[in-house]
């Protein structure tokens, strides 16, 4: 099991691409804490990134799983797809992120932590 690394400061797309190549090729898993504005990247599973953030003080309801494609541009570089997003009791009935406001918040946090190159 590989636990994700928590990022509180900016990471370059080039570094993200290197991490992705080491893991899955052209993409990498990440979990975003929309409240604390931090992100864990690089776990084998989204649950591994989630566990790292929970151990760091995050709240479950603030965590959302995504996949990042560093070589892509525009909206295609963030994919909202993770088993940890399945939360029927909270109104999220898919592996995606059903609420557009939450998706927008995820994009903001990712944008603040990943430097455009």
C-alpha atoms as a PDB file:
ATOM      1  CA  UNK A   1       0.000   0.000   0.000  1.00  0.00           C
ATOM      2  CA  UNK A   2       1.304   3.393  -0.996  1.00  0.00           C
ATOM      3  CA  UNK A   3      -0.040   6.306   1.000  1.00  0.00           C
ATOM      4  CA  UNK A   4      -0.493   9.612  -0.750  1.00  0.00           C
ATOM      5  CA  UNK A   5       1.624  12.634  -0.015  1.00  0.00           C
ATOM      6  CA  UNK A   6      -0.147  15.702   1.350  1.00  0.00           C
ATOM      7  CA  UNK A   7       0.405  18.945  -0.531  1.00  0.00           C
ATOM      8  CA  UNK A   8      -0.154  22.280   1.162  1.00  0.00           C
ATOM      9  CA  UNK A   9       2.115  24.218  -1.188  1.00  0.00           C
ATOM     10  CA  UNK A  10       2.201  24.419  -4.970  1.00  0.00           C
ATOM     11  CA  UNK A  11       3.409  21.524  -7.075  1.00  0.00           C
ATOM     12  CA  UNK A  12       4.416  21.909 -10.713  1.00  0.00           C
ATOM     13  CA  UNK A  13       2.671  20.059 -13.507  1.00  0.00           C
ATOM     14  CA  UNK A  14       6.061  18.576 -14.393  1.00  0.00           C
ATOM     15  CA  UNK A  15       6.426  17.088 -10.902  1.00  0.00           C
ATOM     16  CA  UNK A  16       2.851  15.855 -11.053  1.00  0.00           C
ATOM     17  CA  UNK A  17       3.587  14.231 -14.428  1.00  0.00           C
ATOM     18  CA  UNK A  18       6.652  12.486 -12.939  1.00  0.00           C
ATOM     19  CA  UNK A  19       4.546  11.187 -10.074  1.00  0.00           C
ATOM     20  CA  UNK A  20       1.877  10.008 -12.514  1.00  0.00           C
ATOM     21  CA  UNK A  21       4.417   8.156 -14.647  1.00  0.00           C
ATOM     22  CA  UNK A  22       5.682   6.305 -11.566  1.00  0.00           C
ATOM     23  CA  UNK A  23       2.149   5.252 -10.615  1.00  0.00           C
ATOM     24  CA  UNK A  24      -0.315   4.759 -13.490  1.00  0.00           C
ATOM     25  CA  UNK A  25       1.324   6.301 -16.544  1.00  0.00           C
ATOM     26  CA  UNK A  26      -0.460   9.441 -17.681  1.00  0.00           C
ATOM     27  CA  UNK A  27      -2.727   9.988 -14.675  1.00  0.00           C
ATOM     28  CA  UNK A  28      -2.626   9.934 -10.884  1.00  0.00           C
ATOM     29  CA  UNK A  29      -5.154   9.633  -8.076  1.00  0.00           C
ATOM     30  CA  UNK A  30      -5.731  12.480  -5.646  1.00  0.00           C
ATOM     31  CA  UNK A  31      -8.094  13.433  -2.849  1.00  0.00           C
ATOM     32  CA  UNK A  32      -8.965  17.082  -2.252  1.00  0.00           C
ATOM     33  CA  UNK A  33     -10.009  18.580   1.076  1.00  0.00           C
ATOM     34  CA  UNK A  34     -12.269  21.421  -0.044  1.00  0.00           C
ATOM     35  CA  UNK A  35     -12.334  22.967   3.426  1.00  0.00           C
ATOM     36  CA  UNK A  36      -8.643  22.912   4.384  1.00  0.00           C
ATOM     37  CA  UNK A  37      -7.485  23.507   0.778  1.00  0.00           C
ATOM     38  CA  UNK A  38      -4.990  20.631   0.801  1.00  0.00           C
ATOM     39  CA  UNK A  39      -4.644  17.614  -1.433  1.00  0.00           C
ATOM     40  CA  UNK A  40      -3.158  14.131  -1.060  1.00  0.00           C
ATOM     41  CA  UNK A  41      -1.664  12.674  -4.215  1.00  0.00           C
ATOM     42  CA  UNK A  42      -0.172   9.354  -5.170  1.00  0.00           C
ATOM     43  CA  UNK A  43      -1.849   6.630  -3.145  1.00  0.00           C
ATOM     44  CA  UNK A  44      -2.522   3.214  -4.661  1.00  0.00           C
ATOM     45  CA  UNK A  45      -6.220   3.857  -4.008  1.00  0.00           C
ATOM     46  CA  UNK A  46      -8.179   7.028  -3.366  1.00  0.00           C
ATOM     47  CA  UNK A  47      -8.841   5.485   0.052  1.00  0.00           C
ATOM     48  CA  UNK A  48      -5.086   5.667   0.766  1.00  0.00           C
ATOM     49  CA  UNK A  49      -5.022   9.393   0.012  1.00  0.00           C
ATOM     50  CA  UNK A  50      -8.209   9.798   2.024  1.00  0.00           C
ATOM     51  CA  UNK A  51      -6.638   7.988   5.007  1.00  0.00           C
ATOM     52  CA  UNK A  52      -3.600  10.288   4.900  1.00  0.00           C
ATOM     53  CA  UNK A  53      -5.834  13.371   5.016  1.00  0.00           C
ATOM     54  CA  UNK A  54      -8.052  11.969   7.769  1.00  0.00           C
ATOM     55  CA  UNK A  55      -4.952  11.235   9.861  1.00  0.00           C
ATOM     56  CA  UNK A  56      -3.884  14.848   9.230  1.00  0.00           C
ATOM     57  CA  UNK A  57      -7.133  16.256  10.612  1.00  0.00           C
ATOM     58  CA  UNK A  58      -9.475  16.412   7.621  1.00  0.00           C
ATOM     59  CA  UNK A  59     -13.197  15.680   7.944  1.00  0.00           C
ATOM     60  CA  UNK A  60     -14.700  12.946   5.781  1.00  0.00           C
ATOM     61  CA  UNK A  61     -17.426  15.208   4.374  1.00  0.00           C
ATOM     62  CA  UNK A  62     -14.790  17.581   2.966  1.00  0.00           C
ATOM     63  CA  UNK A  63     -12.872  14.922   1.003  1.00  0.00           C
ATOM     64  CA  UNK A  64     -13.441  14.192  -2.682  1.00  0.00           C
ATOM     65  CA  UNK A  65     -11.574  11.778  -4.936  1.00  0.00           C
ATOM     66  CA  UNK A  66     -10.363  12.797  -8.377  1.00  0.00           C
ATOM     67  CA  UNK A  67      -7.925  11.687 -11.055  1.00  0.00           C
ATOM     68  CA  UNK A  68      -5.459  14.143 -12.560  1.00  0.00           C
ATOM     69  CA  UNK A  69      -4.097  13.961 -16.115  1.00  0.00           C
ATOM     70  CA  UNK A  70      -1.113  16.377 -16.053  1.00  0.00           C
ATOM     71  CA  UNK A  71      -0.601  16.406 -19.842  1.00  0.00           C
ATOM     72  CA  UNK A  72      -4.212  17.427 -20.531  1.00  0.00           C
ATOM     73  CA  UNK A  73      -5.474  20.995 -20.573  1.00  0.00           C
ATOM     74  CA  UNK A  74      -8.742  22.713 -19.838  1.00  0.00           C
ATOM     75  CA  UNK A  75     -11.456  20.744 -18.097  1.00  0.00           C
ATOM     76  CA  UNK A  76     -10.126  17.405 -19.325  1.00  0.00           C
ATOM     77  CA  UNK A  77      -7.281  17.269 -16.848  1.00  0.00           C
ATOM     78  CA  UNK A  78      -9.492  16.694 -13.778  1.00  0.00           C
ATOM     79  CA  UNK A  79     -11.699  13.608 -13.715  1.00  0.00           C
ATOM     80  CA  UNK A  80     -14.298  13.394 -10.957  1.00  0.00           C
ATOM     81  CA  UNK A  81     -14.388   9.628 -10.413  1.00  0.00           C
ATOM     82  CA  UNK A  82     -13.759   7.740  -7.184  1.00  0.00           C
ATOM     83  CA  UNK A  83     -15.443   5.171  -5.002  1.00  0.00           C
ATOM     84  CA  UNK A  84     -14.948   7.462  -1.987  1.00  0.00           C
ATOM     85  CA  UNK A  85     -17.370   9.918  -3.605  1.00  0.00           C
ATOM     86  CA  UNK A  86     -20.281   7.476  -3.284  1.00  0.00           C
ATOM     87  CA  UNK A  87     -22.291   9.027  -0.442  1.00  0.00           C
ATOM     88  CA  UNK A  88     -25.992   8.364  -0.878  1.00  0.00           C
ATOM     89  CA  UNK A  89     -26.765   9.593   2.655  1.00  0.00           C
ATOM     90  CA  UNK A  90     -25.241  12.960   1.694  1.00  0.00           C
ATOM     91  CA  UNK A  91     -26.970  13.118  -1.683  1.00  0.00           C
ATOM     92  CA  UNK A  92     -24.011  12.034  -3.836  1.00  0.00           C
ATOM     93  CA  UNK A  93     -25.239   8.858  -5.519  1.00  0.00           C
ATOM     94  CA  UNK A  94     -22.424   8.365  -8.012  1.00  0.00           C
ATOM     95  CA  UNK A  95     -18.667   7.903  -8.144  1.00  0.00           C
ATOM     96  CA  UNK A  96     -18.537  11.394  -9.589  1.00  0.00           C
ATOM     97  CA  UNK A  97     -19.226  14.668  -7.802  1.00  0.00           C
ATOM     98  CA  UNK A  98     -22.877  15.448  -8.461  1.00  0.00           C
ATOM     99  CA  UNK A  99     -22.924  18.980  -7.010  1.00  0.00           C
ATOM    100  CA  UNK A 100     -21.547  21.590  -9.425  1.00  0.00           C
ATOM    101  CA  UNK A 101     -20.593  23.904  -6.531  1.00  0.00           C
ATOM    102  CA  UNK A 102     -18.411  21.173  -5.017  1.00  0.00           C
ATOM    103  CA  UNK A 103     -16.846  20.440  -8.426  1.00  0.00           C
ATOM    104  CA  UNK A 104     -16.081  24.168  -8.767  1.00  0.00           C
ATOM    105  CA  UNK A 105     -14.539  24.229  -5.291  1.00  0.00           C
ATOM    106  CA  UNK A 106     -12.392  21.183  -6.145  1.00  0.00           C
ATOM    107  CA  UNK A 107     -11.181  22.963  -9.302  1.00  0.00           C
ATOM    108  CA  UNK A 108     -10.294  26.044  -7.209  1.00  0.00           C
ATOM    109  CA  UNK A 109      -8.282  24.044  -4.697  1.00  0.00           C
ATOM    110  CA  UNK A 110      -6.491  22.059  -7.408  1.00  0.00           C
ATOM    111  CA  UNK A 111      -5.806  25.292  -9.295  1.00  0.00           C
ATOM    112  CA  UNK A 112      -4.269  26.867  -6.205  1.00  0.00           C
ATOM    113  CA  UNK A 113      -2.035  23.842  -5.565  1.00  0.00           C
ATOM    114  CA  UNK A 114      -0.918  22.924  -9.093  1.00  0.00           C
ATOM    115  CA  UNK A 115       1.118  25.540 -10.904  1.00  0.00           C
ATOM    116  CA  UNK A 116       0.129  26.051 -14.548  1.00  0.00           C
ATOM    117  CA  UNK A 117       3.122  25.531 -16.773  1.00  0.00           C
END
